[in-house]
Amino acid sequence: MSVQKAIFSPLQIHQKFATSHIGQMLRVGWQWLYTRLWLALFLLAIPALWPFVQEGLPRSLDGGLHLLRLGVLDDLIRHGSLYPRWAPSLMLGYGYPVFNFYAPSTYYLTELLHLLGFSFYFSFMVTFALLILLAGFGMWLLALESFGPDQKWAALVAATAYLYAPYLLTNVYIRGALAETGAQALLPWIFWSVARLLRDRQPGRYCLPVALSLGGLALTHNITLLFLPPILLMYIGLQWWQGQRNLWTIGWAGLSLASAMGISAFFWLPLILERHYLADTAYEIATTVWLPGSVWTWGNFLDRGFTFTHTFARPIRLGLVQLGLAIAGFLAARRRDLGWLFWGMAALLISLMMTSWALPLWLSNDVLPVAQFAWRLLAILSLPLALLTGGLLLSFRSRWQSAVGGGILLLVIVLANLPRLSWMDVFAASSIDVGLPVFAQVEVDKGILEGGDGNPRSAYGA
């Protein structure tokens, strides 16, 4: 009897605890936390944003230029021009249409924060923080749509993998690419809303989210929008095939796309109609210098360290952990459905488009060189890689297994991709100067007068 008691007493104690008041409270609390697991993204984002707190605003490649453009936009708005297309004070006073050709939405978000009382310095950082969070929550929804509503740990892993995607954090800290960060934040929302529209029994409810997210991308980053149509159209076809398969649904999709075009037409229509007024200097540099120097080879496509090194080196690379977890997730999920294979094939084809093998394709037309750098496709590639990473947990049967496995994966993702930027110089919060004399000097230093985006042909006698 003593042996039986020794064996069964722990089980009996567990059963009594589980049925006790405290045990029931803990179970209810765990269920409450599980249904709101998305709240963990706020905590998980802290290490990604910590360089802003610890170091300050880094002197990124384009961060200073965007700050100066914000100063110009703020000045024009305060003088009554709420949507300026022409910046008369730029190009040493000759002016050029930077806001006519550079998608303005992230500038306006930052300007709104400035008008609410933040300095340009803090408005810039807060905008980046908001976009990083928007990216994570968008991926959370897309992952739940792809994995199923009960796969919350897998969705959390995918959202964190996207939030810590090396290219996203490179855009934030190394490049200071405000618009491209905004584009990456919108991409998962576009795919999620399209999937809901094409598979929900009431597709009309998702017409507005599709229109706002896709139209928002058109107002955020022209180049990402240029890359998106092939993969988005294939995704629409796949979701329609797996969903309702009726013309009514296709009609809603067409209405949503038309609405997205309509709400953003005030920007893209003048851009297309007036593009021929711009000089070809930047385009020529892209085809002869930038594109050939930006493609991947076997020797430069991967950062081979466990921790990703954020540097100014080019071309921008994939992370070893990022790629390894995505491949492992694709295989471990044990899924062979069309939806899962679509994301795997998308990741492979987008990767191949950044290699030296694809360079002749980039140079064979007048459209793709607008992107300037092949590695800009990383903005889209980061999405399927993050989603595939969540597949590592799809074969787990219990929530406890998913919780333990998810916790380990979250730790690996954060440690591997955490931005370590103590080597970078930073702006002093008290000495940010966005005045026109500073902008004029930056224009000269960056060679904008010789071949900048938005320069008219007339500036070169054409």
Protein backbone atom coordinates (compact mmCIF):
# COMPACT_ATOMS: atom_id res chain seq x y z
CA MET A 1 0.00 0.00 0.00
CA SER A 2 2.81 2.37 0.77
CA VAL A 3 4.25 1.79 -2.73
CA GLN A 4 0.87 2.50 -4.33
CA LYS A 5 0.50 5.63 -2.25
CA ALA A 6 3.96 6.74 -3.32
CA ILE A 7 3.00 6.19 -6.95
CA PHE A 8 -0.52 7.55 -6.98
CA SER A 9 -0.27 10.31 -4.42
CA PRO A 10 1.23 12.84 -6.89
CA LEU A 11 -1.55 12.03 -9.38
CA GLN A 12 -4.20 12.37 -6.70
CA ILE A 13 -2.66 15.65 -5.57
CA HIS A 14 -2.69 16.93 -9.17
CA GLN A 15 -6.34 15.92 -9.60
CA LYS A 16 -7.34 17.60 -6.38
CA PHE A 17 -5.42 20.75 -7.30
CA ALA A 18 -6.96 20.83 -10.77
CA THR A 19 -10.47 20.71 -9.28
CA SER A 20 -9.69 23.17 -6.53
CA HIS A 21 -10.65 26.83 -6.62
CA ILE A 22 -7.04 27.93 -7.20
CA GLY A 23 -6.58 25.39 -9.99
CA GLN A 24 -9.73 26.56 -11.72
CA MET A 25 -8.61 30.18 -11.44
CA LEU A 26 -5.24 29.35 -12.98
CA ARG A 27 -6.91 27.44 -15.80
CA VAL A 28 -9.25 30.35 -16.50
CA GLY A 29 -6.31 32.76 -16.37
CA TRP A 30 -4.30 30.65 -18.78
CA GLN A 31 -7.24 30.49 -21.17
CA TRP A 32 -7.66 34.27 -20.95
CA LEU A 33 -3.98 34.80 -21.74
CA TYR A 34 -4.05 32.29 -24.59
CA THR A 35 -6.96 33.98 -26.31
CA ARG A 36 -5.08 37.29 -26.03
CA LEU A 37 -1.64 36.01 -26.90
CA TRP A 38 -1.27 38.85 -29.40
CA LEU A 39 -0.64 41.16 -26.43
CA ALA A 40 2.78 39.53 -26.12
CA LEU A 41 3.82 41.34 -29.31
CA PHE A 42 4.09 44.57 -27.34
CA LEU A 43 6.67 42.97 -25.04
CA LEU A 44 8.44 41.14 -27.85
CA ALA A 45 8.84 44.39 -29.78
CA ILE A 46 10.75 46.08 -26.95
CA PRO A 47 14.19 44.62 -27.83
CA ALA A 48 13.67 45.58 -31.49
CA LEU A 49 12.92 49.17 -30.46
CA TRP A 50 15.47 49.38 -27.65
CA PRO A 51 18.24 50.97 -29.78
CA PHE A 52 16.02 54.06 -30.05
CA VAL A 53 15.91 54.21 -26.25
CA GLN A 54 19.50 53.25 -25.53
CA GLU A 55 21.33 54.89 -28.42
CA GLY A 56 18.93 57.41 -29.96
CA LEU A 57 18.12 58.08 -33.60
CA PRO A 58 20.95 56.63 -35.71
CA ARG A 59 22.58 58.51 -38.56
CA SER A 60 21.23 56.11 -41.16
CA LEU A 61 21.86 56.32 -44.89
CA ASP A 62 18.68 58.25 -45.72
CA GLY A 63 17.34 59.19 -42.30
CA GLY A 64 18.77 62.70 -42.39
CA LEU A 65 17.33 63.31 -45.86
CA HIS A 66 13.85 62.24 -44.75
CA LEU A 67 14.08 64.49 -41.70
CA LEU A 68 14.92 67.42 -43.94
CA ARG A 69 12.04 66.61 -46.27
CA LEU A 70 9.77 66.53 -43.24
CA GLY A 71 10.95 70.01 -42.39
CA VAL A 72 10.09 71.17 -45.91
CA LEU A 73 6.66 69.51 -45.77
CA ASP A 74 5.95 71.04 -42.38
CA ASP A 75 6.87 74.50 -43.66
CA LEU A 76 4.61 74.14 -46.72
CA ILE A 77 1.68 72.85 -44.65
CA ARG A 78 2.00 75.70 -42.15
CA HIS A 79 1.87 78.12 -45.10
CA GLY A 80 -1.41 76.63 -46.30
CA SER A 81 -0.29 74.06 -48.88
CA LEU A 82 -1.81 70.90 -47.38
CA TYR A 83 -0.78 68.61 -50.24
CA PRO A 84 2.20 70.17 -52.01
CA ARG A 85 3.45 68.57 -55.19
CA TRP A 86 6.25 71.04 -55.80
CA ALA A 87 8.90 72.00 -53.25
CA PRO A 88 9.99 75.45 -54.48
CA SER A 89 12.84 75.91 -52.02
CA LEU A 90 14.72 72.74 -52.94
CA MET A 91 17.42 72.12 -55.54
CA LEU A 92 19.11 75.33 -54.41
CA GLY A 93 15.89 77.29 -54.90
CA TYR A 94 15.02 75.99 -58.36
CA GLY A 95 12.52 73.58 -56.82
CA TYR A 96 11.57 70.05 -57.78
CA PRO A 97 8.46 67.85 -57.45
CA VAL A 98 9.68 65.47 -54.76
CA PHE A 99 6.19 65.03 -53.27
CA ASN A 100 4.74 64.39 -56.72
CA PHE A 101 6.88 61.29 -57.25
CA TYR A 102 7.78 60.10 -53.74
CA ALA A 103 4.82 58.42 -51.99
CA PRO A 104 3.95 60.70 -49.05
CA SER A 105 1.89 58.74 -46.51
CA THR A 106 4.66 58.06 -43.97
CA TYR A 107 5.73 61.70 -44.17
CA TYR A 108 2.20 62.73 -43.27
CA LEU A 109 2.05 60.27 -40.39
CA THR A 110 5.28 61.73 -39.00
CA GLU A 111 4.06 65.27 -39.62
CA LEU A 112 0.85 64.49 -37.71
CA LEU A 113 2.91 63.43 -34.71
CA HIS A 114 4.92 66.63 -35.04
CA LEU A 115 1.76 68.74 -35.13
CA LEU A 116 0.61 66.95 -31.97
CA GLY A 117 3.66 68.30 -30.17
CA PHE A 118 6.53 65.89 -30.79
CA SER A 119 9.81 67.19 -32.15
CA PHE A 120 10.91 66.01 -35.59
CA TYR A 121 13.45 63.80 -33.82
CA PHE A 122 10.90 61.95 -31.68
CA SER A 123 8.20 61.99 -34.38
CA PHE A 124 10.59 60.12 -36.65
CA MET A 125 11.34 57.45 -34.05
CA VAL A 126 7.72 57.06 -32.95
CA THR A 127 6.66 56.58 -36.58
CA PHE A 128 9.17 53.76 -36.99
CA ALA A 129 7.94 52.18 -33.73
CA LEU A 130 4.32 52.33 -34.84
CA LEU A 131 5.16 50.80 -38.21
CA ILE A 132 7.10 47.94 -36.60
CA LEU A 133 4.10 47.16 -34.38
CA LEU A 134 1.73 47.43 -37.33
CA ALA A 135 3.86 44.91 -39.22
CA GLY A 136 3.80 42.46 -36.32
CA PHE A 137 0.04 42.62 -35.76
CA GLY A 138 -0.63 42.30 -39.49
CA MET A 139 1.45 39.13 -39.64
CA TRP A 140 -0.40 37.81 -36.57
CA LEU A 141 -3.70 38.05 -38.45
CA LEU A 142 -2.28 36.61 -41.66
CA ALA A 143 -0.72 33.69 -39.78
CA LEU A 144 -4.00 32.88 -38.01
CA GLU A 145 -5.73 33.00 -41.38
CA SER A 146 -3.14 30.59 -42.82
CA PHE A 147 -2.71 28.26 -39.83
CA GLY A 148 -6.19 28.27 -38.27
CA PRO A 149 -7.62 30.14 -35.26
CA ASP A 150 -6.31 27.58 -32.74
CA GLN A 151 -2.65 27.97 -33.81
CA LYS A 152 -1.97 31.07 -31.75
CA TRP A 153 1.56 30.12 -30.72
CA ALA A 154 2.49 29.48 -34.34
CA ALA A 155 0.97 32.84 -35.27
CA LEU A 156 2.97 34.55 -32.52
CA VAL A 157 6.20 32.99 -33.78
CA ALA A 158 5.44 34.08 -37.36
CA ALA A 159 4.57 37.62 -36.23
CA THR A 160 7.78 37.88 -34.22
CA ALA A 161 9.84 36.49 -37.10
CA TYR A 162 8.39 39.22 -39.31
CA LEU A 163 8.87 41.91 -36.69
CA TYR A 164 12.55 40.88 -36.41
CA ALA A 165 13.09 40.27 -40.14
CA PRO A 166 16.63 41.57 -40.82
CA TYR A 167 15.51 43.63 -43.79
CA LEU A 168 12.76 45.34 -41.80
CA LEU A 169 15.19 46.35 -39.06
CA THR A 170 17.79 47.30 -41.67
CA ASN A 171 15.24 49.66 -43.19
CA VAL A 172 14.61 51.17 -39.77
CA TYR A 173 18.12 51.57 -38.40
CA ILE A 174 20.62 51.29 -41.26
CA ARG A 175 18.80 52.78 -44.23
CA GLY A 176 16.32 55.02 -42.43
CA ALA A 177 13.87 53.99 -45.17
CA LEU A 178 10.67 55.38 -43.72
CA ALA A 179 8.46 54.63 -46.74
CA GLU A 180 9.74 51.08 -47.28
CA THR A 181 9.23 50.28 -43.61
CA GLY A 182 5.66 51.47 -44.04
CA ALA A 183 5.27 49.20 -47.06
CA GLN A 184 6.47 46.18 -45.10
CA ALA A 185 4.00 47.05 -42.36
CA LEU A 186 1.11 47.06 -44.84
CA LEU A 187 1.95 43.88 -46.78
CA PRO A 188 0.54 41.33 -44.29
CA TRP A 189 -2.62 43.40 -43.93
CA ILE A 190 -3.10 43.28 -47.71
CA PHE A 191 -2.80 39.49 -47.90
CA TRP A 192 -4.94 38.95 -44.81
CA SER A 193 -7.78 41.18 -46.01
CA VAL A 194 -7.68 39.62 -49.50
CA ALA A 195 -7.90 36.12 -47.99
CA ARG A 196 -10.85 37.11 -45.80
CA LEU A 197 -12.66 38.76 -48.70
CA LEU A 198 -12.32 35.71 -50.94
CA ARG A 199 -13.14 33.06 -48.31
CA ASP A 200 -15.67 34.69 -45.99
CA ARG A 201 -19.40 34.11 -46.50
CA GLN A 202 -19.89 37.89 -46.35
CA PRO A 203 -17.06 39.18 -48.54
CA GLY A 204 -18.40 42.72 -48.62
CA ARG A 205 -17.21 43.25 -45.04
CA TYR A 206 -13.59 43.07 -46.23
CA CYS A 207 -13.88 45.30 -49.27
CA LEU A 208 -12.85 48.37 -47.26
CA PRO A 209 -9.83 46.72 -45.56
CA VAL A 210 -8.52 45.56 -48.95
CA ALA A 211 -9.03 49.00 -50.48
CA LEU A 212 -7.40 50.84 -47.57
CA SER A 213 -4.40 48.54 -47.22
CA LEU A 214 -3.67 48.25 -50.95
CA GLY A 215 -4.44 51.90 -51.60
CA GLY A 216 -2.29 52.75 -48.61
CA LEU A 217 0.62 50.86 -50.16
CA ALA A 218 0.26 52.94 -53.32
CA LEU A 219 0.58 56.04 -51.15
CA THR A 220 3.49 54.62 -49.15
CA HIS A 221 6.11 53.07 -51.44
CA ASN A 222 5.98 52.99 -55.23
CA ILE A 223 8.65 50.32 -55.64
CA THR A 224 7.06 47.74 -53.35
CA LEU A 225 3.80 48.31 -55.20
CA LEU A 226 5.67 47.68 -58.45
CA PHE A 227 6.77 44.23 -57.22
CA LEU A 228 3.45 43.18 -55.69
CA PRO A 229 1.00 42.47 -58.59
CA PRO A 230 2.36 39.07 -59.75
CA ILE A 231 2.33 37.45 -56.31
CA LEU A 232 -0.91 39.17 -55.26
CA LEU A 233 -2.79 38.09 -58.39
CA MET A 234 -1.64 34.49 -57.92
CA TYR A 235 -2.69 34.68 -54.27
CA ILE A 236 -6.13 36.00 -55.27
CA GLY A 237 -6.57 33.11 -57.70
CA LEU A 238 -5.52 30.59 -55.06
CA GLN A 239 -7.82 31.98 -52.38
CA TRP A 240 -10.74 32.08 -54.81
CA TRP A 241 -10.10 28.46 -55.80
CA GLN A 242 -9.96 27.35 -52.16
CA GLY A 243 -12.93 29.50 -51.14
CA GLN A 244 -16.34 30.21 -52.61
CA ARG A 245 -15.43 29.83 -56.31
CA ASN A 246 -18.21 32.08 -57.53
CA LEU A 247 -18.36 35.18 -59.68
CA TRP A 248 -19.96 37.14 -56.83
CA THR A 249 -16.72 36.87 -54.83
CA ILE A 250 -14.63 37.86 -57.83
CA GLY A 251 -16.87 40.88 -58.23
CA TRP A 252 -16.14 41.98 -54.68
CA ALA A 253 -12.42 41.49 -55.29
CA GLY A 254 -12.61 43.61 -58.44
CA LEU A 255 -14.51 46.32 -56.59
CA SER A 256 -11.90 46.32 -53.82
CA LEU A 257 -9.01 46.65 -56.27
CA ALA A 258 -10.81 49.41 -58.15
CA SER A 259 -11.48 51.20 -54.86
CA ALA A 260 -7.80 50.94 -53.91
CA MET A 261 -6.86 52.50 -57.24
CA GLY A 262 -9.49 55.19 -56.83
CA ILE A 263 -8.54 56.36 -53.35
CA SER A 264 -4.85 56.60 -54.33
CA ALA A 265 -5.34 57.98 -57.85
CA PHE A 266 -4.60 61.52 -56.73
CA PHE A 267 -0.99 60.37 -56.29
CA TRP A 268 -0.28 57.66 -58.87
CA LEU A 269 -2.13 59.21 -61.80
CA PRO A 270 -0.05 62.43 -61.92
CA LEU A 271 3.06 60.31 -61.28
CA ILE A 272 2.40 58.25 -64.42
CA LEU A 273 1.29 61.14 -66.58
CA GLU A 274 4.24 63.36 -65.65
CA ARG A 275 6.98 60.76 -65.32
CA HIS A 276 8.36 61.64 -68.76
CA TYR A 277 9.30 65.12 -67.52
CA LEU A 278 11.97 63.64 -65.24
CA ALA A 279 15.59 63.29 -66.23
CA ASP A 280 16.94 59.80 -66.96
CA THR A 281 20.13 60.29 -64.97
CA ALA A 282 19.08 58.21 -61.95
CA TYR A 283 17.71 55.51 -64.26
CA GLU A 284 20.99 55.31 -66.15
CA ILE A 285 22.96 55.02 -62.92
CA ALA A 286 20.63 52.23 -61.79
CA THR A 287 21.15 50.15 -64.92
CA THR A 288 24.93 50.61 -65.09
CA VAL A 289 25.97 50.69 -61.42
CA TRP A 290 23.32 50.01 -58.81
CA LEU A 291 21.54 46.97 -60.23
CA PRO A 292 24.66 45.06 -61.31
CA GLY A 293 26.18 45.66 -57.89
CA SER A 294 23.09 44.66 -55.92
CA VAL A 295 22.46 41.08 -57.06
CA TRP A 296 23.15 38.02 -54.93
CA THR A 297 25.83 35.42 -55.52
CA TRP A 298 26.68 32.28 -53.54
CA GLY A 299 29.25 34.30 -51.68
CA ASN A 300 27.19 37.31 -50.60
CA PHE A 301 23.51 36.33 -50.18
CA LEU A 302 23.71 35.05 -46.60
CA ASP A 303 24.95 36.42 -43.28
CA ARG A 304 26.51 33.22 -41.94
CA GLY A 305 26.64 34.18 -38.28
CA PHE A 306 24.06 33.13 -35.70
CA THR A 307 23.48 36.80 -34.94
CA PHE A 308 22.65 38.97 -37.93
CA THR A 309 25.12 41.83 -38.39
CA HIS A 310 23.41 45.08 -39.33
CA THR A 311 25.92 47.10 -41.36
CA PHE A 312 26.14 49.46 -44.30
CA ALA A 313 27.57 46.63 -46.44
CA ARG A 314 25.83 45.81 -49.72
CA PRO A 315 24.08 43.81 -51.00
CA ILE A 316 21.72 43.36 -48.06
CA ARG A 317 21.62 39.70 -47.08
CA LEU A 318 19.38 37.07 -45.57
CA GLY A 319 19.96 36.00 -41.99
CA LEU A 320 21.17 32.44 -41.34
CA VAL A 321 18.58 31.89 -38.61
CA GLN A 322 15.89 33.59 -40.69
CA LEU A 323 16.49 31.28 -43.64
CA GLY A 324 17.10 28.15 -41.57
CA LEU A 325 13.92 28.48 -39.52
CA ALA A 326 11.84 29.18 -42.64
CA ILE A 327 13.11 26.06 -44.42
CA ALA A 328 12.66 23.96 -41.27
CA GLY A 329 9.15 25.33 -40.80
CA PHE A 330 8.16 24.58 -44.37
CA LEU A 331 9.23 20.95 -43.91
CA ALA A 332 8.09 20.44 -40.32
CA ALA A 333 4.55 21.61 -40.95
CA ARG A 334 3.88 18.43 -42.96
CA ARG A 335 1.46 20.34 -45.14
CA ARG A 336 1.15 19.72 -48.85
CA ASP A 337 -1.87 21.86 -49.58
CA LEU A 338 -1.77 24.51 -52.28
CA GLY A 339 -1.78 27.37 -49.79
CA TRP A 340 1.36 26.16 -48.04
CA LEU A 341 3.15 25.27 -51.28
CA PHE A 342 2.30 28.73 -52.60
CA TRP A 343 4.27 30.44 -49.85
CA GLY A 344 7.22 28.09 -50.29
CA MET A 345 7.33 28.62 -54.05
CA ALA A 346 6.88 32.38 -53.62
CA ALA A 347 9.89 32.51 -51.29
CA LEU A 348 12.00 30.49 -53.72
CA LEU A 349 11.08 32.48 -56.84
CA ILE A 350 11.51 35.86 -55.16
CA SER A 351 14.93 34.75 -53.90
CA LEU A 352 15.98 33.68 -57.39
CA MET A 353 14.94 37.08 -58.75
CA MET A 354 17.66 38.66 -56.60
CA THR A 355 20.49 36.50 -57.93
CA SER A 356 22.98 37.32 -60.65
CA TRP A 357 21.18 34.81 -62.89
CA ALA A 358 18.20 37.17 -63.03
CA LEU A 359 20.21 40.30 -63.85
CA PRO A 360 19.50 40.06 -67.63
CA LEU A 361 15.78 40.09 -66.80
CA TRP A 362 16.18 43.22 -64.68
CA LEU A 363 17.98 44.99 -67.50
CA SER A 364 15.74 43.79 -70.33
CA ASN A 365 12.96 46.31 -69.73
CA ASP A 366 12.31 49.88 -68.61
CA VAL A 367 10.19 49.02 -65.55
CA LEU A 368 12.27 46.90 -63.16
CA PRO A 369 15.31 49.25 -63.12
CA VAL A 370 13.07 51.79 -61.38
CA ALA A 371 13.65 49.68 -58.26
CA GLN A 372 17.40 50.55 -58.40
CA PHE A 373 18.47 47.56 -56.26
CA ALA A 374 17.55 43.88 -56.65
CA TRP A 375 17.67 43.30 -52.89
CA ARG A 376 14.61 45.52 -52.49
CA LEU A 377 12.62 42.35 -53.16
CA LEU A 378 13.51 41.46 -49.57
CA ALA A 379 10.57 43.65 -48.56
CA ILE A 380 8.25 41.00 -50.01
CA LEU A 381 10.45 37.94 -49.37
CA SER A 382 10.47 38.65 -45.62
CA LEU A 383 6.74 37.91 -45.47
CA PRO A 384 6.68 34.27 -46.67
CA LEU A 385 9.86 33.49 -44.72
CA ALA A 386 8.23 34.67 -41.50
CA LEU A 387 5.04 32.77 -42.24
CA LEU A 388 6.96 29.57 -42.98
CA THR A 389 8.82 29.94 -39.67
CA GLY A 390 5.51 29.59 -37.84
CA GLY A 391 5.11 26.19 -39.48
CA LEU A 392 7.58 24.74 -36.98
CA LEU A 393 4.76 24.53 -34.42
CA LEU A 394 1.94 23.26 -36.61
CA SER A 395 2.64 19.58 -35.93
CA PHE A 396 2.54 20.03 -32.13
CA ARG A 397 -0.57 18.45 -30.64
CA SER A 398 -0.98 20.17 -27.29
CA ARG A 399 -0.96 23.79 -26.21
CA TRP A 400 1.77 23.09 -23.68
CA GLN A 401 4.03 21.66 -26.36
CA SER A 402 3.30 24.68 -28.54
CA ALA A 403 3.96 27.02 -25.62
CA VAL A 404 7.34 25.47 -24.80
CA GLY A 405 8.40 25.17 -28.43
CA GLY A 406 7.11 28.65 -29.17
CA GLY A 407 8.99 30.13 -26.23
CA ILE A 408 12.26 28.59 -27.43
CA LEU A 409 11.70 29.81 -31.00
CA LEU A 410 10.85 33.32 -29.82
CA LEU A 411 14.07 33.46 -27.82
CA VAL A 412 16.12 32.26 -30.80
CA ILE A 413 14.48 34.75 -33.19
CA VAL A 414 15.00 37.71 -30.89
CA LEU A 415 18.59 36.86 -29.96
CA ALA A 416 19.59 36.13 -33.55
CA ASN A 417 18.12 39.27 -35.11
CA LEU A 418 18.38 41.80 -32.29
CA PRO A 419 19.86 45.03 -33.73
CA ARG A 420 23.24 45.70 -32.14
CA LEU A 421 24.04 49.26 -33.11
CA SER A 422 26.43 50.68 -30.52
CA TRP A 423 28.90 51.28 -33.38
CA MET A 424 26.60 53.76 -35.14
CA ASP A 425 26.70 57.51 -34.78
CA VAL A 426 23.44 59.10 -33.67
CA PHE A 427 21.68 62.42 -34.07
CA ALA A 428 21.59 64.67 -31.02
CA ALA A 429 17.97 65.29 -30.08
CA SER A 430 18.68 68.90 -29.19
CA SER A 431 20.54 69.78 -32.38
CA ILE A 432 18.31 68.49 -35.19
CA ASP A 433 18.31 71.21 -37.84
CA VAL A 434 15.87 70.85 -40.73
CA GLY A 435 16.46 74.29 -42.15
CA LEU A 436 16.83 74.96 -45.86
CA PRO A 437 20.57 75.77 -45.72
CA VAL A 438 21.23 72.34 -44.26
CA PHE A 439 19.09 70.73 -46.95
CA ALA A 440 21.01 72.57 -49.68
CA GLN A 441 24.29 71.21 -48.34
CA VAL A 442 22.86 67.68 -48.18
CA GLU A 443 21.67 67.98 -51.79
CA VAL A 444 25.19 68.85 -52.87
CA ASP A 445 26.81 66.13 -50.74
CA LYS A 446 24.46 63.40 -52.02
CA GLY A 447 24.83 64.40 -55.65
CA ILE A 448 21.15 65.10 -56.04
CA LEU A 449 21.91 67.97 -58.36
CA GLU A 450 23.66 65.56 -60.70
CA GLY A 451 21.13 62.73 -60.70
CA GLY A 452 18.53 62.81 -57.97
CA ASP A 453 15.02 61.42 -57.97
CA GLY A 454 12.51 64.01 -59.11
CA ASN A 455 14.85 66.25 -61.06
CA PRO A 456 13.28 67.73 -64.24
CA ARG A 457 14.80 67.21 -67.67
CA SER A 458 15.05 70.99 -68.02
CA ALA A 459 17.71 71.00 -65.28
CA TYR A 460 20.03 69.22 -67.73
CA GLY A 461 19.08 71.09 -70.85
CA ALA A 462 16.98 68.19 -72.18
